[in-house]
Amino acid sequence: MVEQISFETNDFASNPEPRCPCVLLLDVSGSMNGRAIDELNAGLETFREDLAADSLAMKRVEVGIVTFGPAKVEMPFTSASMFYPPTLEAQGDTPMGEAIRQALNMLEDRKREYRANGIAYFRPWIFLITDGAPTDQWQTAAASVREGEESKKFAFFAIGVKGANMDILAQISSRAPLSLDGMKFRELFSWLSTSLRSVSRSTPGQAVALEPPSGWTVV
């Protein structure tokens, strides 16, 4: 299991709002060096600013970050009100399979904490962004993603930056992967924050119609 080190005191008694957890699975391998990693960092700042504009999302949305290159929990689940994204640096290879496994374990741990404290939660989101292909064994992780989607444990989204192996992403994600137009990370994270804000204003279990991201190519 992934060790949880909280950036805050998780006082569910003072904030009993239902939670909307989102894991960002971010490729920071060496191929992301340069403009790509700079734009990714700028996109995370946009994400933080957009969430901060919604008082209800600040109470309900929780963000966790798992990076790969190497795979590690960059940031455990943190409420939007305390979310200050780290500055990511590009390094290493692309152990995507291990990163997915860490994200799934992290998410299951967090859901157990919700249940233990009587906190309702929305269907979690896992958001994968990569510009390459896995350099480790990924098939088992892909099977876990598909099983989790089928049992509605979470919603998994795969985003391919230029250079990504979209064929492998299509085997990992039940949803068709999306190809990011250029380096439009800020637009990507604006869409993500808007979608999470819409979900957080609903009630757990309620279906929410989301606008598709404009300008992206479905593979």
N, C-alpha and C. Protein backbone atom coordinates (compact mmCIF):
# COMPACT_ATOMS: atom_id res chain seq x y z
N MET A 1 0.83 -1.19 0.00
CA MET A 1 0.00 0.00 0.00
C MET A 1 0.87 1.26 0.00
N VAL A 2 0.34 2.33 -0.55
CA VAL A 2 1.07 3.58 -0.58
C VAL A 2 0.97 4.26 0.77
N GLU A 3 2.12 4.66 1.33
CA GLU A 3 2.10 5.35 2.61
C GLU A 3 1.49 6.73 2.42
N GLN A 4 0.56 7.07 3.27
CA GLN A 4 -0.11 8.36 3.18
C GLN A 4 0.54 9.34 4.15
N ILE A 5 1.05 10.43 3.64
CA ILE A 5 1.58 11.51 4.45
C ILE A 5 0.80 12.75 4.10
N SER A 6 -0.08 13.16 4.99
CA SER A 6 -1.01 14.24 4.66
C SER A 6 -0.35 15.60 4.77
N PHE A 7 -0.69 16.50 3.86
CA PHE A 7 -0.23 17.88 3.91
C PHE A 7 -1.11 18.70 4.86
N GLU A 8 -2.14 18.11 5.43
CA GLU A 8 -3.08 18.84 6.26
C GLU A 8 -3.66 17.88 7.29
N THR A 9 -4.32 18.44 8.28
CA THR A 9 -5.06 17.62 9.22
C THR A 9 -6.42 17.33 8.60
N ASN A 10 -6.69 16.07 8.33
CA ASN A 10 -7.94 15.71 7.68
C ASN A 10 -9.05 15.67 8.72
N ASP A 11 -9.58 16.83 9.07
CA ASP A 11 -10.61 16.92 10.09
C ASP A 11 -11.97 16.78 9.43
N PHE A 12 -12.41 15.55 9.29
CA PHE A 12 -13.70 15.30 8.66
C PHE A 12 -14.84 15.86 9.50
N ALA A 13 -14.63 16.02 10.81
CA ALA A 13 -15.69 16.56 11.67
C ALA A 13 -15.98 18.01 11.33
N SER A 14 -14.93 18.78 11.02
CA SER A 14 -15.14 20.20 10.72
C SER A 14 -15.55 20.43 9.27
N ASN A 15 -15.31 19.44 8.42
CA ASN A 15 -15.72 19.55 7.02
C ASN A 15 -16.32 18.21 6.58
N PRO A 16 -17.60 17.98 6.89
CA PRO A 16 -18.24 16.70 6.55
C PRO A 16 -18.77 16.64 5.12
N GLU A 17 -18.40 17.63 4.28
CA GLU A 17 -18.88 17.63 2.89
C GLU A 17 -18.42 16.36 2.17
N PRO A 18 -19.23 15.86 1.24
CA PRO A 18 -18.76 14.73 0.42
C PRO A 18 -17.53 15.12 -0.38
N ARG A 19 -16.66 14.16 -0.60
CA ARG A 19 -15.40 14.44 -1.27
C ARG A 19 -15.41 13.98 -2.72
N CYS A 20 -14.68 14.73 -3.54
CA CYS A 20 -14.54 14.44 -4.96
C CYS A 20 -13.04 14.26 -5.23
N PRO A 21 -12.52 13.03 -5.10
CA PRO A 21 -11.07 12.82 -5.24
C PRO A 21 -10.63 12.70 -6.70
N CYS A 22 -9.50 13.30 -6.99
CA CYS A 22 -8.93 13.25 -8.34
C CYS A 22 -7.44 12.97 -8.24
N VAL A 23 -6.99 11.93 -8.92
CA VAL A 23 -5.56 11.61 -8.98
C VAL A 23 -5.01 12.07 -10.33
N LEU A 24 -3.96 12.86 -10.30
CA LEU A 24 -3.26 13.26 -11.51
C LEU A 24 -2.06 12.33 -11.68
N LEU A 25 -2.04 11.58 -12.76
CA LEU A 25 -0.94 10.67 -13.08
C LEU A 25 -0.11 11.34 -14.17
N LEU A 26 1.03 11.90 -13.79
CA LEU A 26 1.75 12.80 -14.69
C LEU A 26 3.11 12.23 -15.10
N ASP A 27 3.32 12.20 -16.40
CA ASP A 27 4.59 11.76 -16.97
C ASP A 27 5.61 12.89 -16.85
N VAL A 28 6.69 12.63 -16.08
CA VAL A 28 7.76 13.63 -15.96
C VAL A 28 9.08 13.02 -16.42
N SER A 29 9.00 12.07 -17.35
CA SER A 29 10.21 11.42 -17.85
C SER A 29 11.06 12.42 -18.64
N GLY A 30 12.27 12.00 -18.99
CA GLY A 30 13.22 12.90 -19.64
C GLY A 30 12.71 13.51 -20.92
N SER A 31 11.83 12.81 -21.63
CA SER A 31 11.32 13.35 -22.90
C SER A 31 10.42 14.56 -22.70
N MET A 32 9.98 14.80 -21.45
CA MET A 32 9.14 15.97 -21.17
C MET A 32 9.98 17.21 -20.88
N ASN A 33 11.29 17.08 -20.93
CA ASN A 33 12.16 18.21 -20.61
C ASN A 33 11.95 19.38 -21.57
N GLY A 34 12.09 20.58 -21.04
CA GLY A 34 11.95 21.76 -21.88
C GLY A 34 10.56 22.35 -21.81
N ARG A 35 10.03 22.71 -22.97
CA ARG A 35 8.74 23.40 -23.02
C ARG A 35 7.62 22.56 -22.42
N ALA A 36 7.65 21.24 -22.66
CA ALA A 36 6.55 20.38 -22.21
C ALA A 36 6.39 20.44 -20.69
N ILE A 37 7.50 20.29 -19.94
CA ILE A 37 7.38 20.31 -18.49
C ILE A 37 7.02 21.70 -17.99
N ASP A 38 7.50 22.74 -18.68
CA ASP A 38 7.15 24.12 -18.29
C ASP A 38 5.64 24.35 -18.47
N GLU A 39 5.11 23.88 -19.57
CA GLU A 39 3.68 24.06 -19.83
C GLU A 39 2.84 23.21 -18.87
N LEU A 40 3.34 22.04 -18.52
CA LEU A 40 2.63 21.20 -17.55
C LEU A 40 2.56 21.89 -16.20
N ASN A 41 3.67 22.48 -15.76
CA ASN A 41 3.67 23.22 -14.49
C ASN A 41 2.72 24.41 -14.54
N ALA A 42 2.71 25.11 -15.67
CA ALA A 42 1.80 26.25 -15.82
C ALA A 42 0.35 25.77 -15.79
N GLY A 43 0.09 24.60 -16.39
CA GLY A 43 -1.26 24.06 -16.37
C GLY A 43 -1.73 23.72 -14.96
N LEU A 44 -0.83 23.20 -14.14
CA LEU A 44 -1.19 22.89 -12.76
C LEU A 44 -1.54 24.15 -11.98
N GLU A 45 -0.85 25.25 -12.27
CA GLU A 45 -1.17 26.52 -11.61
C GLU A 45 -2.56 26.99 -12.04
N THR A 46 -2.87 26.83 -13.32
CA THR A 46 -4.21 27.18 -13.80
C THR A 46 -5.27 26.34 -13.10
N PHE A 47 -4.99 25.06 -12.93
CA PHE A 47 -5.90 24.15 -12.24
C PHE A 47 -6.16 24.64 -10.82
N ARG A 48 -5.11 25.01 -10.11
CA ARG A 48 -5.26 25.50 -8.73
C ARG A 48 -6.10 26.78 -8.70
N GLU A 49 -5.81 27.70 -9.59
CA GLU A 49 -6.54 28.97 -9.61
C GLU A 49 -8.01 28.79 -9.93
N ASP A 50 -8.30 27.90 -10.86
CA ASP A 50 -9.70 27.68 -11.24
C ASP A 50 -10.48 27.04 -10.09
N LEU A 51 -9.87 26.08 -9.41
CA LEU A 51 -10.55 25.46 -8.27
C LEU A 51 -10.78 26.47 -7.15
N ALA A 52 -9.81 27.35 -6.96
CA ALA A 52 -9.90 28.34 -5.88
C ALA A 52 -11.04 29.33 -6.11
N ALA A 53 -11.53 29.42 -7.34
CA ALA A 53 -12.63 30.34 -7.65
C ALA A 53 -13.99 29.79 -7.26
N ASP A 54 -14.04 28.55 -6.80
CA ASP A 54 -15.31 27.90 -6.46
C ASP A 54 -15.28 27.47 -5.00
N SER A 55 -16.05 28.14 -4.15
CA SER A 55 -15.99 27.88 -2.71
C SER A 55 -16.42 26.46 -2.34
N LEU A 56 -17.40 25.91 -3.08
CA LEU A 56 -17.84 24.55 -2.77
C LEU A 56 -16.79 23.53 -3.20
N ALA A 57 -16.20 23.74 -4.37
CA ALA A 57 -15.13 22.84 -4.83
C ALA A 57 -13.96 22.85 -3.86
N MET A 58 -13.69 23.99 -3.25
CA MET A 58 -12.60 24.09 -2.29
C MET A 58 -12.81 23.16 -1.11
N LYS A 59 -14.09 22.90 -0.76
CA LYS A 59 -14.40 22.03 0.36
C LYS A 59 -14.50 20.56 -0.05
N ARG A 60 -14.83 20.33 -1.32
CA ARG A 60 -15.15 18.96 -1.73
C ARG A 60 -14.06 18.28 -2.56
N VAL A 61 -13.39 19.01 -3.42
CA VAL A 61 -12.40 18.40 -4.32
C VAL A 61 -11.10 18.12 -3.56
N GLU A 62 -10.57 16.92 -3.74
CA GLU A 62 -9.25 16.56 -3.21
C GLU A 62 -8.37 16.11 -4.38
N VAL A 63 -7.13 16.56 -4.37
CA VAL A 63 -6.20 16.29 -5.46
C VAL A 63 -5.00 15.52 -4.93
N GLY A 64 -4.63 14.46 -5.64
CA GLY A 64 -3.40 13.73 -5.36
C GLY A 64 -2.59 13.65 -6.64
N ILE A 65 -1.28 13.63 -6.54
CA ILE A 65 -0.42 13.58 -7.73
C ILE A 65 0.55 12.42 -7.62
N VAL A 66 0.57 11.58 -8.66
CA VAL A 66 1.57 10.53 -8.81
C VAL A 66 2.34 10.83 -10.09
N THR A 67 3.66 10.95 -9.98
CA THR A 67 4.48 11.20 -11.17
C THR A 67 5.24 9.93 -11.52
N PHE A 68 5.66 9.86 -12.78
CA PHE A 68 6.48 8.71 -13.16
C PHE A 68 7.64 9.15 -14.03
N GLY A 69 8.83 8.71 -13.55
CA GLY A 69 10.14 9.02 -14.06
C GLY A 69 11.07 9.41 -12.92
N PRO A 70 11.18 8.61 -11.81
CA PRO A 70 10.54 7.32 -11.51
C PRO A 70 9.14 7.50 -10.94
N ALA A 71 8.44 6.38 -10.72
CA ALA A 71 7.08 6.42 -10.18
C ALA A 71 7.12 6.75 -8.69
N LYS A 72 6.36 7.76 -8.28
CA LYS A 72 6.30 8.10 -6.85
C LYS A 72 5.07 8.97 -6.58
N VAL A 73 4.61 8.92 -5.33
CA VAL A 73 3.53 9.80 -4.91
C VAL A 73 4.13 11.18 -4.68
N GLU A 74 3.87 12.06 -5.60
CA GLU A 74 4.40 13.43 -5.52
C GLU A 74 3.65 14.26 -4.49
N MET A 75 2.35 14.00 -4.38
CA MET A 75 1.53 14.73 -3.41
C MET A 75 0.36 13.85 -3.00
N PRO A 76 0.22 13.52 -1.70
CA PRO A 76 -0.93 12.73 -1.26
C PRO A 76 -2.21 13.56 -1.39
N PHE A 77 -3.34 12.93 -1.18
CA PHE A 77 -4.61 13.64 -1.33
C PHE A 77 -4.64 14.88 -0.44
N THR A 78 -4.95 16.01 -1.06
CA THR A 78 -4.95 17.30 -0.39
C THR A 78 -6.20 18.05 -0.83
N SER A 79 -6.88 18.69 0.10
CA SER A 79 -8.09 19.43 -0.26
C SER A 79 -7.72 20.58 -1.19
N ALA A 80 -8.66 20.96 -2.04
CA ALA A 80 -8.41 22.04 -2.99
C ALA A 80 -8.00 23.32 -2.27
N SER A 81 -8.50 23.51 -1.06
CA SER A 81 -8.16 24.74 -0.32
C SER A 81 -6.70 24.78 0.09
N MET A 82 -6.05 23.60 0.15
CA MET A 82 -4.64 23.51 0.54
C MET A 82 -3.75 23.08 -0.62
N PHE A 83 -4.30 23.06 -1.83
CA PHE A 83 -3.58 22.54 -2.98
C PHE A 83 -2.66 23.60 -3.58
N TYR A 84 -1.36 23.36 -3.44
CA TYR A 84 -0.35 24.19 -4.09
C TYR A 84 0.57 23.23 -4.84
N PRO A 85 0.43 23.18 -6.17
CA PRO A 85 1.14 22.15 -6.93
C PRO A 85 2.65 22.29 -6.82
N PRO A 86 3.34 21.16 -6.78
CA PRO A 86 4.81 21.19 -6.78
C PRO A 86 5.33 21.59 -8.14
N THR A 87 6.55 22.06 -8.20
CA THR A 87 7.21 22.35 -9.47
C THR A 87 7.87 21.06 -9.94
N LEU A 88 7.37 20.54 -11.05
CA LEU A 88 7.85 19.25 -11.54
C LEU A 88 9.09 19.42 -12.42
N GLU A 89 9.98 18.44 -12.35
CA GLU A 89 11.18 18.42 -13.18
C GLU A 89 11.22 17.13 -13.97
N ALA A 90 11.66 17.22 -15.22
CA ALA A 90 11.71 16.04 -16.09
C ALA A 90 12.96 15.22 -15.80
N GLN A 91 12.77 13.89 -15.69
CA GLN A 91 13.90 13.00 -15.43
C GLN A 91 13.47 11.55 -15.64
N GLY A 92 14.42 10.70 -15.94
CA GLY A 92 14.18 9.26 -15.93
C GLY A 92 13.39 8.72 -17.11
N ASP A 93 12.93 7.48 -16.92
CA ASP A 93 12.19 6.79 -17.98
C ASP A 93 10.69 6.89 -17.73
N THR A 94 9.90 5.90 -18.19
CA THR A 94 8.45 6.03 -18.16
C THR A 94 7.81 4.79 -17.54
N PRO A 95 7.96 4.59 -16.22
CA PRO A 95 7.36 3.42 -15.56
C PRO A 95 5.86 3.63 -15.30
N MET A 96 5.11 3.66 -16.38
CA MET A 96 3.69 3.98 -16.29
C MET A 96 2.89 2.92 -15.54
N GLY A 97 3.24 1.65 -15.74
CA GLY A 97 2.51 0.59 -15.06
C GLY A 97 2.61 0.72 -13.55
N GLU A 98 3.83 0.94 -13.04
CA GLU A 98 4.02 1.09 -11.60
C GLU A 98 3.29 2.33 -11.08
N ALA A 99 3.30 3.42 -11.84
CA ALA A 99 2.61 4.64 -11.42
C ALA A 99 1.11 4.40 -11.32
N ILE A 100 0.55 3.67 -12.26
CA ILE A 100 -0.88 3.36 -12.21
C ILE A 100 -1.19 2.54 -10.97
N ARG A 101 -0.35 1.55 -10.68
CA ARG A 101 -0.57 0.72 -9.49
C ARG A 101 -0.53 1.57 -8.22
N GLN A 102 0.43 2.48 -8.14
CA GLN A 102 0.52 3.35 -6.97
C GLN A 102 -0.74 4.22 -6.85
N ALA A 103 -1.21 4.74 -7.96
CA ALA A 103 -2.41 5.60 -7.94
C ALA A 103 -3.64 4.82 -7.48
N LEU A 104 -3.79 3.59 -7.96
CA LEU A 104 -4.94 2.78 -7.57
C LEU A 104 -4.89 2.44 -6.08
N ASN A 105 -3.71 2.10 -5.56
CA ASN A 105 -3.58 1.82 -4.14
C ASN A 105 -3.87 3.06 -3.30
N MET A 106 -3.35 4.17 -3.74
CA MET A 106 -3.56 5.44 -3.04
C MET A 106 -5.05 5.77 -2.97
N LEU A 107 -5.74 5.53 -4.06
CA LEU A 107 -7.17 5.83 -4.12
C LEU A 107 -7.97 4.89 -3.20
N GLU A 108 -7.65 3.62 -3.20
CA GLU A 108 -8.35 2.67 -2.32
C GLU A 108 -8.12 3.01 -0.85
N ASP A 109 -6.89 3.42 -0.51
CA ASP A 109 -6.61 3.83 0.86
C ASP A 109 -7.47 5.03 1.26
N ARG A 110 -7.58 5.97 0.35
CA ARG A 110 -8.36 7.17 0.67
C ARG A 110 -9.84 6.85 0.81
N LYS A 111 -10.37 5.98 -0.02
CA LYS A 111 -11.78 5.62 0.09
C LYS A 111 -12.06 4.91 1.41
N ARG A 112 -11.11 4.10 1.87
CA ARG A 112 -11.29 3.47 3.18
C ARG A 112 -11.36 4.53 4.29
N GLU A 113 -10.56 5.58 4.17
CA GLU A 113 -10.60 6.66 5.16
C GLU A 113 -11.96 7.36 5.14
N TYR A 114 -12.49 7.60 3.95
CA TYR A 114 -13.82 8.21 3.86
C TYR A 114 -14.85 7.34 4.57
N ARG A 115 -14.85 6.05 4.24
CA ARG A 115 -15.85 5.16 4.82
C ARG A 115 -15.71 5.07 6.34
N ALA A 116 -14.47 5.02 6.82
CA ALA A 116 -14.24 4.92 8.26
C ALA A 116 -14.74 6.15 9.01
N ASN A 117 -14.79 7.29 8.31
CA ASN A 117 -15.22 8.54 8.94
C ASN A 117 -16.62 8.97 8.52
N GLY A 118 -17.34 8.08 7.82
CA GLY A 118 -18.71 8.38 7.43
C GLY A 118 -18.83 9.50 6.41
N ILE A 119 -17.82 9.64 5.54
CA ILE A 119 -17.80 10.70 4.54
C ILE A 119 -18.24 10.12 3.19
N ALA A 120 -19.28 10.71 2.60
CA ALA A 120 -19.70 10.29 1.26
C ALA A 120 -18.67 10.78 0.24
N TYR A 121 -18.62 10.10 -0.91
CA TYR A 121 -17.68 10.56 -1.93
C TYR A 121 -18.24 10.29 -3.32
N PHE A 122 -17.82 11.13 -4.24
CA PHE A 122 -18.18 10.99 -5.64
C PHE A 122 -17.27 9.95 -6.28
N ARG A 123 -17.69 9.48 -7.44
CA ARG A 123 -16.84 8.54 -8.18
C ARG A 123 -15.51 9.22 -8.48
N PRO A 124 -14.40 8.66 -8.01
CA PRO A 124 -13.10 9.31 -8.20
C PRO A 124 -12.69 9.38 -9.67
N TRP A 125 -11.82 10.33 -9.95
CA TRP A 125 -11.25 10.49 -11.29
C TRP A 125 -9.76 10.21 -11.24
N ILE A 126 -9.27 9.51 -12.25
CA ILE A 126 -7.83 9.35 -12.46
C ILE A 126 -7.52 9.92 -13.84
N PHE A 127 -6.55 10.82 -13.88
CA PHE A 127 -6.26 11.60 -15.07
C PHE A 127 -4.81 11.39 -15.46
N LEU A 128 -4.56 10.60 -16.51
CA LEU A 128 -3.21 10.26 -16.94
C LEU A 128 -2.78 11.15 -18.11
N ILE A 129 -1.58 11.73 -17.98
CA ILE A 129 -1.01 12.54 -19.07
C ILE A 129 0.38 12.00 -19.37
N THR A 130 0.64 11.66 -20.63
CA THR A 130 1.95 11.12 -21.01
C THR A 130 2.33 11.54 -22.42
N ASP A 131 3.64 11.60 -22.68
CA ASP A 131 4.11 11.90 -24.03
C ASP A 131 4.89 10.72 -24.61
N GLY A 132 4.79 9.56 -23.96
CA GLY A 132 5.58 8.42 -24.42
C GLY A 132 4.85 7.10 -24.32
N ALA A 133 5.63 6.05 -24.03
CA ALA A 133 5.10 4.70 -23.87
C ALA A 133 5.70 4.11 -22.61
N PRO A 134 5.02 3.17 -21.98
CA PRO A 134 5.55 2.56 -20.76
C PRO A 134 6.88 1.87 -21.00
N THR A 135 7.79 2.01 -20.03
CA THR A 135 9.07 1.31 -20.10
C THR A 135 9.11 0.16 -19.09
N ASP A 136 7.94 -0.14 -18.50
CA ASP A 136 7.84 -1.26 -17.57
C ASP A 136 6.67 -2.14 -17.98
N GLN A 137 6.38 -3.14 -17.16
CA GLN A 137 5.27 -4.04 -17.43
C GLN A 137 3.96 -3.32 -17.08
N TRP A 138 3.12 -3.11 -18.08
CA TRP A 138 1.91 -2.30 -17.89
C TRP A 138 0.62 -3.09 -18.06
N GLN A 139 0.68 -4.31 -18.55
CA GLN A 139 -0.54 -5.05 -18.87
C GLN A 139 -1.39 -5.35 -17.63
N THR A 140 -0.75 -5.70 -16.51
CA THR A 140 -1.50 -5.98 -15.29
C THR A 140 -2.20 -4.72 -14.79
N ALA A 141 -1.49 -3.59 -14.86
CA ALA A 141 -2.09 -2.32 -14.45
C ALA A 141 -3.27 -1.96 -15.35
N ALA A 142 -3.13 -2.24 -16.65
CA ALA A 142 -4.22 -1.96 -17.59
C ALA A 142 -5.45 -2.79 -17.24
N ALA A 143 -5.23 -4.05 -16.89
CA ALA A 143 -6.35 -4.92 -16.51
C ALA A 143 -7.04 -4.38 -15.26
N SER A 144 -6.27 -3.86 -14.31
CA SER A 144 -6.84 -3.29 -13.10
C SER A 144 -7.66 -2.04 -13.41
N VAL A 145 -7.18 -1.24 -14.34
CA VAL A 145 -7.93 -0.04 -14.74
C VAL A 145 -9.26 -0.43 -15.36
N ARG A 146 -9.24 -1.39 -16.25
CA ARG A 146 -10.48 -1.79 -16.92
C ARG A 146 -11.46 -2.43 -15.94
N GLU A 147 -10.95 -3.24 -15.01
CA GLU A 147 -11.82 -3.84 -14.00
C GLU A 147 -12.43 -2.76 -13.11
N GLY A 148 -11.62 -1.78 -12.74
CA GLY A 148 -12.11 -0.69 -11.90
C GLY A 148 -13.17 0.15 -12.59
N GLU A 149 -12.98 0.39 -13.88
CA GLU A 149 -13.98 1.13 -14.66
C GLU A 149 -15.29 0.34 -14.74
N GLU A 150 -15.18 -0.95 -15.00
CA GLU A 150 -16.39 -1.78 -15.15
C GLU A 150 -17.19 -1.83 -13.86
N SER A 151 -16.51 -1.83 -12.73
CA SER A 151 -17.19 -1.87 -11.44
C SER A 151 -17.45 -0.47 -10.88
N LYS A 152 -17.18 0.54 -11.71
CA LYS A 152 -17.45 1.94 -11.35
C LYS A 152 -16.72 2.39 -10.09
N LYS A 153 -15.51 1.87 -9.89
CA LYS A 153 -14.69 2.30 -8.76
C LYS A 153 -14.11 3.69 -9.01
N PHE A 154 -13.93 4.03 -10.27
CA PHE A 154 -13.35 5.33 -10.65
C PHE A 154 -13.60 5.56 -12.13
N ALA A 155 -13.33 6.77 -12.58
CA ALA A 155 -13.35 7.11 -14.00
C ALA A 155 -11.91 7.42 -14.41
N PHE A 156 -11.44 6.76 -15.47
CA PHE A 156 -10.05 6.89 -15.89
C PHE A 156 -10.00 7.59 -17.24
N PHE A 157 -9.18 8.64 -17.32
CA PHE A 157 -9.02 9.41 -18.55
C PHE A 157 -7.55 9.39 -18.95
N ALA A 158 -7.26 9.11 -20.22
CA ALA A 158 -5.89 9.07 -20.72
C ALA A 158 -5.70 10.18 -21.77
N ILE A 159 -4.67 10.99 -21.56
CA ILE A 159 -4.37 12.10 -22.46
C ILE A 159 -2.98 11.90 -23.03
N GLY A 160 -2.87 11.89 -24.34
CA GLY A 160 -1.59 11.71 -24.99
C GLY A 160 -1.06 13.02 -25.55
N VAL A 161 0.14 13.40 -25.08
CA VAL A 161 0.84 14.54 -25.65
C VAL A 161 1.59 14.05 -26.88
N LYS A 162 2.03 14.95 -27.75
CA LYS A 162 2.76 14.55 -28.95
C LYS A 162 3.89 13.59 -28.60
N GLY A 163 3.92 12.45 -29.25
CA GLY A 163 4.92 11.43 -28.99
C GLY A 163 4.39 10.25 -28.20
N ALA A 164 3.18 10.40 -27.65
CA ALA A 164 2.60 9.32 -26.85
C ALA A 164 2.21 8.13 -27.73
N ASN A 165 2.30 6.95 -27.17
CA ASN A 165 1.86 5.74 -27.87
C ASN A 165 0.37 5.58 -27.62
N MET A 166 -0.43 6.07 -28.56
CA MET A 166 -1.87 6.10 -28.37
C MET A 166 -2.47 4.69 -28.43
N ASP A 167 -1.81 3.77 -29.11
CA ASP A 167 -2.30 2.40 -29.17
C ASP A 167 -2.27 1.76 -27.78
N ILE A 168 -1.19 1.98 -27.05
CA ILE A 168 -1.09 1.42 -25.70
C ILE A 168 -2.08 2.12 -24.78
N LEU A 169 -2.23 3.44 -24.90
CA LEU A 169 -3.20 4.15 -24.07
C LEU A 169 -4.61 3.61 -24.29
N ALA A 170 -4.92 3.25 -25.53
CA ALA A 170 -6.24 2.69 -25.84
C ALA A 170 -6.43 1.32 -25.19
N GLN A 171 -5.33 0.61 -24.94
CA GLN A 171 -5.43 -0.69 -24.27
C GLN A 171 -5.53 -0.53 -22.75
N ILE A 172 -5.06 0.59 -22.23
CA ILE A 172 -5.12 0.85 -20.79
C ILE A 172 -6.48 1.40 -20.39
N SER A 173 -6.97 2.38 -21.14
CA SER A 173 -8.19 3.09 -20.78
C SER A 173 -9.41 2.51 -21.47
N SER A 174 -10.50 2.36 -20.73
CA SER A 174 -11.76 1.92 -21.34
C SER A 174 -12.32 3.00 -22.25
N ARG A 175 -12.08 4.25 -21.88
CA ARG A 175 -12.48 5.37 -22.73
C ARG A 175 -11.43 5.58 -23.81
N ALA A 176 -11.86 6.07 -24.96
CA ALA A 176 -10.89 6.38 -26.01
C ALA A 176 -9.95 7.47 -25.51
N PRO A 177 -8.64 7.28 -25.64
CA PRO A 177 -7.70 8.32 -25.21
C PRO A 177 -7.85 9.57 -26.07
N LEU A 178 -7.47 10.69 -25.48
CA LEU A 178 -7.54 11.96 -26.18
C LEU A 178 -6.14 12.44 -26.50
N SER A 179 -5.97 13.02 -27.68
CA SER A 179 -4.69 13.55 -28.09
C SER A 179 -4.68 15.05 -27.87
N LEU A 180 -3.75 15.52 -27.04
CA LEU A 180 -3.67 16.93 -26.71
C LEU A 180 -3.15 17.71 -27.91
N ASP A 181 -3.80 18.80 -28.21
CA ASP A 181 -3.41 19.66 -29.33
C ASP A 181 -2.22 20.50 -28.90
N GLY A 182 -1.05 20.17 -29.45
CA GLY A 182 0.15 20.94 -29.12
C GLY A 182 0.50 20.83 -27.65
N MET A 183 0.74 21.98 -27.02
CA MET A 183 1.11 22.03 -25.61
C MET A 183 0.03 22.76 -24.80
N LYS A 184 -1.23 22.50 -25.11
CA LYS A 184 -2.31 23.24 -24.48
C LYS A 184 -2.68 22.65 -23.11
N PHE A 185 -1.69 22.61 -22.24
CA PHE A 185 -1.92 22.06 -20.89
C PHE A 185 -2.86 22.95 -20.09
N ARG A 186 -2.74 24.27 -20.26
CA ARG A 186 -3.59 25.16 -19.47
C ARG A 186 -5.06 24.97 -19.84
N GLU A 187 -5.33 24.83 -21.14
CA GLU A 187 -6.71 24.57 -21.57
C GLU A 187 -7.19 23.22 -21.03
N LEU A 188 -6.29 22.24 -21.03
CA LEU A 188 -6.63 20.92 -20.51
C LEU A 188 -7.03 21.00 -19.04
N PHE A 189 -6.23 21.68 -18.24
CA PHE A 189 -6.52 21.75 -16.81
C PHE A 189 -7.70 22.68 -16.52
N SER A 190 -7.96 23.65 -17.38
CA SER A 190 -9.17 24.46 -17.22
C SER A 190 -10.40 23.58 -17.41
N TRP A 191 -10.36 22.72 -18.42
CA TRP A 191 -11.48 21.79 -18.64
C TRP A 191 -11.65 20.86 -17.45
N LEU A 192 -10.53 20.35 -16.93
CA LEU A 192 -10.59 19.43 -15.79
C LEU A 192 -11.19 20.12 -14.56
N SER A 193 -10.74 21.33 -14.27
CA SER A 193 -11.27 22.04 -13.10
C SER A 193 -12.74 22.37 -13.27
N THR A 194 -13.15 22.77 -14.47
CA THR A 194 -14.56 23.06 -14.72
C THR A 194 -15.41 21.81 -14.53
N SER A 195 -14.89 20.67 -15.01
CA SER A 195 -15.63 19.41 -14.88
C SER A 195 -15.74 18.99 -13.42
N LEU A 196 -14.64 19.11 -12.67
CA LEU A 196 -14.68 18.74 -11.26
C LEU A 196 -15.59 19.67 -10.47
N ARG A 197 -15.62 20.94 -10.84
CA ARG A 197 -16.51 21.87 -10.16
C ARG A 197 -17.97 21.49 -10.41
N SER A 198 -18.27 21.07 -11.65
CA SER A 198 -19.63 20.63 -11.96
C SER A 198 -20.01 19.40 -11.15
N VAL A 199 -19.09 18.45 -11.08
CA VAL A 199 -19.35 17.23 -10.31
C VAL A 199 -19.53 17.56 -8.83
N SER A 200 -18.68 18.43 -8.30
CA SER A 200 -18.73 18.73 -6.87
C SER A 200 -20.02 19.44 -6.47
N ARG A 201 -20.70 20.06 -7.42
CA ARG A 201 -21.96 20.75 -7.11
C ARG A 201 -23.15 19.80 -7.17
N SER A 202 -22.91 18.55 -7.58
CA SER A 202 -23.98 17.56 -7.65
C SER A 202 -24.03 16.78 -6.34
N THR A 203 -24.73 15.67 -6.34
CA THR A 203 -24.75 14.78 -5.18
C THR A 203 -24.10 13.46 -5.58
N PRO A 204 -23.43 12.79 -4.65
CA PRO A 204 -22.77 11.52 -4.99
C PRO A 204 -23.74 10.54 -5.64
N GLY A 205 -23.31 9.95 -6.75
CA GLY A 205 -24.15 9.00 -7.47
C GLY A 205 -24.96 9.61 -8.59
N GLN A 206 -25.05 10.95 -8.60
CA GLN A 206 -25.83 11.63 -9.65
C GLN A 206 -25.01 11.72 -10.93
N ALA A 207 -25.63 11.42 -12.05
CA ALA A 207 -24.96 11.53 -13.34
C ALA A 207 -24.85 13.01 -13.72
N VAL A 208 -23.67 13.42 -14.15
CA VAL A 208 -23.43 14.82 -14.51
C VAL A 208 -23.00 14.86 -15.97
N ALA A 209 -23.70 15.65 -16.77
CA ALA A 209 -23.34 15.80 -18.18
C ALA A 209 -22.18 16.77 -18.29
N LEU A 210 -21.08 16.32 -18.88
CA LEU A 210 -19.90 17.15 -19.01
C LEU A 210 -19.70 17.56 -20.46
N GLU A 211 -19.30 18.80 -20.66
CA GLU A 211 -18.98 19.25 -22.00
C GLU A 211 -17.68 18.59 -22.46
N PRO A 212 -17.64 18.08 -23.68
CA PRO A 212 -16.38 17.48 -24.15
C PRO A 212 -15.32 18.55 -24.32
N PRO A 213 -14.07 18.21 -24.11
CA PRO A 213 -13.00 19.20 -24.30
C PRO A 213 -12.89 19.60 -25.76
N SER A 214 -12.87 20.88 -26.00
CA SER A 214 -12.83 21.38 -27.39
C SER A 214 -11.39 21.30 -27.92
N GLY A 215 -11.28 21.01 -29.21
CA GLY A 215 -9.99 21.03 -29.86
C GLY A 215 -9.14 19.79 -29.65
N TRP A 216 -9.68 18.77 -28.99
CA TRP A 216 -8.92 17.55 -28.77
C TRP A 216 -9.34 16.49 -29.79
N THR A 217 -8.45 15.61 -30.07
CA THR A 217 -8.73 14.54 -31.02
C THR A 217 -8.94 13.24 -30.27
N VAL A 218 -10.09 12.62 -30.49
CA VAL A 218 -10.35 11.30 -29.90
C VAL A 218 -9.73 10.25 -30.80
N VAL A 219 -8.90 9.40 -30.22
CA VAL A 219 -8.19 8.38 -31.02
C VAL A 219 -9.00 7.09 -31.04
